Protein backbone atom coordinates (compact mmCIF):
# COMPACT_ATOMS: atom_id res chain seq x y z
CA MET A 1 -59.81 -8.55 90.61
CA LEU A 2 -57.75 -11.74 90.54
CA ASN A 3 -55.56 -10.39 87.73
CA ARG A 4 -55.06 -7.12 89.62
CA GLY A 5 -53.95 -9.04 92.70
CA THR A 6 -51.62 -11.25 90.67
CA ASN A 7 -50.04 -8.22 88.99
CA ARG A 8 -49.59 -6.52 92.36
CA ALA A 9 -47.89 -9.63 93.74
CA LYS A 10 -45.53 -9.70 90.73
CA GLU A 11 -44.68 -6.03 91.27
CA LEU A 12 -43.83 -6.67 94.91
CA VAL A 13 -41.64 -9.66 94.04
CA LYS A 14 -39.84 -7.69 91.31
CA SER A 15 -39.35 -4.73 93.62
CA GLY A 16 -37.80 -6.95 96.27
CA LEU A 17 -35.51 -8.61 93.76
CA ASN A 18 -34.46 -5.26 92.25
CA ARG A 19 -33.33 -4.04 95.66
CA VAL A 20 -30.75 -6.86 95.81
CA GLY A 21 -29.63 -6.43 92.19
CA LEU A 22 -31.86 -9.08 90.61
CA ASP A 23 -34.83 -8.99 88.27
CA LEU A 24 -37.85 -11.09 87.32
CA VAL A 25 -38.29 -11.50 83.56
CA ARG A 26 -40.16 -13.77 81.18
CA PHE A 27 -38.30 -17.00 80.27
CA PRO A 28 -36.39 -16.93 78.03
CA ALA A 29 -35.52 -13.30 78.67
CA PRO A 30 -36.55 -10.98 75.78
CA HIS A 31 -33.04 -9.72 75.03
CA THR A 32 -31.45 -13.19 74.77
CA ILE A 33 -30.70 -15.24 71.68
CA ALA A 34 -32.89 -18.04 73.07
CA HIS A 35 -35.92 -15.73 73.03
CA HIS A 36 -35.24 -14.61 69.46
CA LEU A 37 -34.66 -18.18 68.32
CA GLN A 38 -37.89 -19.33 69.93
CA LYS A 39 -39.87 -16.67 68.05
CA PHE A 40 -38.03 -17.14 64.75
CA LEU A 41 -38.33 -20.92 64.65
CA LEU A 42 -42.04 -20.77 65.49
CA GLN A 43 -43.01 -17.91 63.19
CA ASN A 44 -41.16 -19.37 60.22
CA GLY A 45 -42.39 -22.93 60.66
CA ILE A 46 -38.88 -24.37 60.98
CA ASN A 47 -38.95 -28.17 60.83
CA LEU A 48 -35.22 -28.86 60.49
CA VAL A 49 -32.22 -27.29 62.23
CA LEU A 50 -28.77 -27.99 60.81
CA ASP A 51 -26.19 -27.55 63.57
CA VAL A 52 -22.80 -27.12 61.86
CA GLY A 53 -19.94 -27.12 64.35
CA ALA A 54 -21.87 -28.82 67.14
CA TYR A 55 -18.90 -29.44 69.50
CA HIS A 56 -20.46 -31.07 72.62
CA GLY A 57 -24.08 -30.24 71.79
CA SER A 58 -24.70 -27.15 73.93
CA TYR A 59 -26.54 -25.37 71.11
CA CYS A 60 -29.01 -28.22 70.77
CA ALA A 61 -29.54 -28.15 74.52
CA LEU A 62 -30.37 -24.45 74.19
CA LEU A 63 -32.87 -25.25 71.42
CA ARG A 64 -34.60 -27.94 73.47
CA GLU A 65 -34.49 -26.40 76.95
CA LYS A 66 -34.79 -22.65 76.31
CA ALA A 67 -36.08 -22.10 72.76
CA ARG A 68 -38.48 -25.07 73.21
CA TYR A 69 -37.88 -26.36 69.70
CA ARG A 70 -39.05 -29.98 69.29
CA GLY A 71 -38.39 -30.54 65.58
CA ARG A 72 -35.61 -32.42 63.82
CA ILE A 73 -31.97 -31.49 64.50
CA VAL A 74 -28.97 -32.73 62.53
CA SER A 75 -25.55 -31.94 64.01
CA PHE A 76 -22.10 -32.05 62.43
CA GLU A 77 -18.87 -32.31 64.42
CA PRO A 78 -15.60 -33.41 62.75
CA HIS A 79 -13.40 -33.78 65.86
CA ARG A 80 -13.48 -37.42 66.99
CA ASP A 81 -13.36 -36.84 70.76
CA SER A 82 -15.94 -34.06 70.62
CA PHE A 83 -18.26 -36.21 68.54
CA GLU A 84 -18.14 -39.00 71.12
CA ILE A 85 -19.45 -36.59 73.76
CA LEU A 86 -22.03 -35.22 71.32
CA ASN A 87 -23.16 -38.71 70.37
CA ALA A 88 -23.78 -39.61 74.01
CA ARG A 89 -25.96 -36.52 74.47
CA MET A 90 -28.02 -37.41 71.39
CA ALA A 91 -28.81 -40.93 72.62
CA ASP A 92 -32.04 -40.03 74.43
CA ASP A 93 -33.41 -37.71 71.73
CA GLU A 94 -34.90 -39.64 68.81
CA ASN A 95 -35.34 -36.43 66.80
CA TRP A 96 -31.65 -35.49 66.98
CA GLN A 97 -28.94 -37.16 64.91
CA GLY A 98 -25.35 -36.34 64.11
CA TYR A 99 -22.47 -36.96 61.73
CA SER A 100 -18.76 -37.09 62.53
CA PHE A 101 -17.55 -34.97 59.63
CA GLY A 102 -17.34 -31.28 58.78
CA ILE A 103 -19.22 -29.08 56.34
CA SER A 104 -17.55 -26.92 53.68
CA ASP A 105 -17.89 -25.74 50.08
CA ASN A 106 -16.48 -28.95 48.58
CA ASP A 107 -16.12 -32.63 49.42
CA ARG A 108 -12.55 -33.27 50.54
CA THR A 109 -10.16 -34.32 53.27
CA ALA A 110 -8.91 -31.45 55.43
CA THR A 111 -6.65 -30.85 58.42
CA LEU A 112 -8.30 -29.74 61.66
CA ASN A 113 -6.18 -27.81 64.17
CA VAL A 114 -6.95 -29.35 67.56
CA TYR A 115 -6.13 -27.51 70.81
CA GLU A 116 -5.74 -29.82 73.77
CA GLY A 117 -8.16 -28.92 76.52
CA ARG A 118 -9.75 -26.14 74.42
CA GLY A 119 -11.72 -28.00 71.79
CA ASP A 120 -14.07 -25.04 71.33
CA PHE A 121 -11.18 -23.37 69.45
CA ASN A 122 -10.57 -26.25 67.02
CA SER A 123 -10.55 -24.92 63.46
CA LEU A 124 -9.43 -25.50 59.90
CA LEU A 125 -7.75 -22.10 60.23
CA ASP A 126 -4.71 -21.11 62.32
CA LEU A 127 -5.47 -19.34 65.60
CA ARG A 128 -3.63 -16.03 65.72
CA GLU A 129 -1.22 -15.25 68.55
CA HIS A 130 -3.37 -12.46 70.01
CA GLY A 131 -6.46 -14.71 69.93
CA ALA A 132 -4.66 -17.51 71.75
CA ALA A 133 -3.33 -15.08 74.37
CA ALA A 134 -6.71 -13.41 74.92
CA TYR A 135 -8.43 -16.73 75.64
CA ASP A 136 -5.49 -18.39 77.39
CA VAL A 137 -5.14 -21.07 74.72
CA ASP A 138 -1.76 -22.85 74.75
CA ALA A 139 -0.95 -22.96 71.02
CA SER A 140 2.07 -25.17 71.73
CA ARG A 141 -0.38 -27.98 72.58
CA ARG A 142 -1.89 -27.93 69.11
CA SER A 143 -2.14 -31.14 67.10
CA ALA A 144 -3.53 -31.98 63.67
CA GLU A 145 -6.41 -34.33 62.85
CA SER A 146 -7.42 -35.44 59.37
CA VAL A 147 -11.17 -34.91 58.87
CA GLN A 148 -13.68 -35.45 56.10
CA MET A 149 -15.60 -32.47 54.72
CA HIS A 150 -18.83 -32.54 52.73
CA THR A 151 -21.18 -29.94 51.27
CA LEU A 152 -24.74 -29.54 52.43
CA ASP A 153 -25.80 -29.75 48.78
CA SER A 154 -24.34 -33.25 48.48
CA LEU A 155 -26.16 -34.33 51.67
CA TRP A 156 -29.43 -32.51 51.08
CA PRO A 157 -31.64 -35.39 49.86
CA SER A 158 -30.90 -37.44 52.97
CA LEU A 159 -31.15 -34.43 55.32
CA VAL A 160 -34.67 -33.51 54.23
CA SER A 161 -35.89 -37.07 53.69
CA GLY A 162 -39.45 -37.46 54.97
CA ILE A 163 -40.07 -33.69 55.18
CA GLU A 164 -42.66 -32.67 52.60
CA ARG A 165 -41.86 -28.94 52.69
CA PRO A 166 -38.46 -28.30 54.29
CA CYS A 167 -38.19 -25.08 56.27
CA VAL A 168 -34.58 -25.11 57.42
CA PHE A 169 -32.62 -23.08 59.95
CA LEU A 170 -28.85 -23.25 59.53
CA LYS A 171 -26.67 -22.64 62.59
CA ILE A 172 -22.93 -22.30 61.87
CA ASP A 173 -20.10 -22.11 64.41
CA THR A 174 -16.93 -23.23 62.64
CA GLN A 175 -14.29 -20.86 63.99
CA GLY A 176 -13.85 -18.91 60.77
CA HIS A 177 -15.24 -21.25 58.10
CA ASP A 178 -18.89 -20.11 58.12
CA THR A 179 -19.17 -18.56 54.66
CA ALA A 180 -17.69 -21.70 53.06
CA VAL A 181 -20.49 -23.72 54.67
CA VAL A 182 -23.10 -21.48 53.02
CA ARG A 183 -21.37 -21.62 49.63
CA GLY A 184 -21.71 -25.39 49.85
CA ALA A 185 -25.48 -25.03 50.21
CA ALA A 186 -25.98 -22.77 47.17
CA ASN A 187 -28.41 -25.11 45.41
CA ASN A 188 -30.78 -25.30 48.38
CA LEU A 189 -30.81 -21.80 49.87
CA LYS A 190 -34.48 -21.43 48.92
CA ASP A 191 -35.31 -23.84 51.76
CA ILE A 192 -33.02 -22.18 54.32
CA ARG A 193 -35.28 -19.61 56.01
CA GLY A 194 -32.68 -18.38 58.46
CA ILE A 195 -29.03 -18.58 59.41
CA GLN A 196 -27.10 -18.10 62.64
CA SER A 197 -23.47 -17.32 61.90
CA GLU A 198 -20.63 -16.44 64.27
CA LEU A 199 -18.98 -13.34 62.80
CA PRO A 200 -15.83 -11.56 63.99
CA VAL A 201 -15.25 -7.93 64.85
CA ILE A 202 -11.67 -8.96 65.60
CA GLU A 203 -10.38 -11.81 63.43
CA LEU A 204 -9.00 -14.45 65.81
CA TYR A 205 -7.90 -16.80 63.01
CA ASP A 206 -5.88 -16.34 59.83
CA GLY A 207 -8.14 -16.20 56.80
CA MET A 208 -11.40 -15.36 58.60
CA THR A 209 -13.99 -13.39 56.65
CA PRO A 210 -14.33 -10.00 58.39
CA MET A 211 -17.81 -9.10 59.62
CA PRO A 212 -18.52 -6.37 56.99
CA ALA A 213 -17.54 -8.71 54.14
CA ALA A 214 -19.56 -11.57 55.62
CA LEU A 215 -22.67 -9.40 56.02
CA THR A 216 -22.34 -8.29 52.39
CA PHE A 217 -21.95 -11.92 51.36
CA TYR A 218 -25.14 -12.90 53.20
CA ARG A 219 -27.06 -9.87 51.90
CA ASP A 220 -26.12 -10.75 48.31
CA LEU A 221 -27.59 -14.22 48.93
CA GLY A 222 -30.82 -12.69 50.27
CA TYR A 223 -30.33 -12.75 54.07
CA LEU A 224 -30.89 -9.75 56.32
CA PRO A 225 -29.34 -9.54 59.83
CA ILE A 226 -32.04 -9.26 62.51
CA GLY A 227 -30.03 -9.72 65.71
CA PHE A 228 -26.48 -9.45 67.05
CA PHE A 229 -25.52 -11.30 70.24
CA PRO A 230 -22.01 -11.08 71.78
CA VAL A 231 -20.39 -14.48 72.16
CA ASN A 232 -17.90 -13.72 74.93
CA THR A 233 -15.66 -10.91 76.08
CA PRO A 234 -12.24 -11.82 77.49
CA ALA A 235 -10.48 -9.30 79.69
CA ALA A 236 -7.86 -8.75 76.97
CA TYR A 237 -10.40 -7.02 74.72
CA ALA A 238 -12.45 -3.92 75.44
CA ALA A 239 -15.47 -5.39 73.63
CA SER A 240 -16.69 -8.74 72.39
CA PRO A 241 -14.55 -9.88 69.42
CA GLU A 242 -17.32 -12.09 67.98
CA PHE A 243 -21.09 -12.03 67.63
CA ASP A 244 -23.69 -14.66 66.86
CA VAL A 245 -25.69 -12.99 64.09
CA LEU A 246 -29.24 -14.07 63.23
CA LEU A 247 -30.12 -13.61 59.57
CA LYS A 248 -33.54 -13.89 57.98
CA GLN A 249 -34.23 -14.87 54.40
CA LEU A 250 -35.66 -12.04 52.32
CA ARG A 251 -38.49 -12.83 49.95
CA ASN A 252 -39.12 -10.83 46.80
CA GLY A 253 -36.49 -8.34 47.98
CA ARG A 254 -38.24 -7.48 51.25
CA ASP A 255 -38.51 -8.73 54.82
CA THR A 256 -41.72 -10.77 55.04
């Protein structure tokens, strides 16, 4: 009887909200990336998240606050000013650490294109004119910053130190450099149970890997896409030009 009354109360609340254009859903909402991450990280026993292209740390906030992940996080952010902000956010979380360099397919020094006031567009690649116009990025205010790049393979022993059986989730948001990050982890893919990669429908940067080629690349490495989530949709485009794609590691050639 109590459950019936509770359900009736929920129906009345939802009905009232629906009439004013709102809804009542489980948190995080089932169709969101936070919901899918929460399920994936739990079901696959993830005990380490590698956050490549951390910027100011919003992804880690999503993991903690919405996906309710409490395990170890290691973030990488090569831009000096962005890393300072990231570092401040990490201060109160003893299970979250970060490094002020980038991740690639070889250890080297590289040039990062930095867009004043729009650090979320910083990239090793050149932002195309239509991409800058669509997102109102002033390309004339671009500067260059020398950054260090390392491979995940070269860092792996320290990254998984203290974890008896690493079950890793790799999040990548590098403005066009995602597949290079994965190539640099080739020796340790067996421990990477899942990947989140930002893939383009419209290439905003010169030299980006198009979505079909990137999906083929991941499939050849044994990763199957299980979710597509639009990143943003500026008024200049009729549809979202980029998607965060969740990919799950296949085992023995099948999804298990």
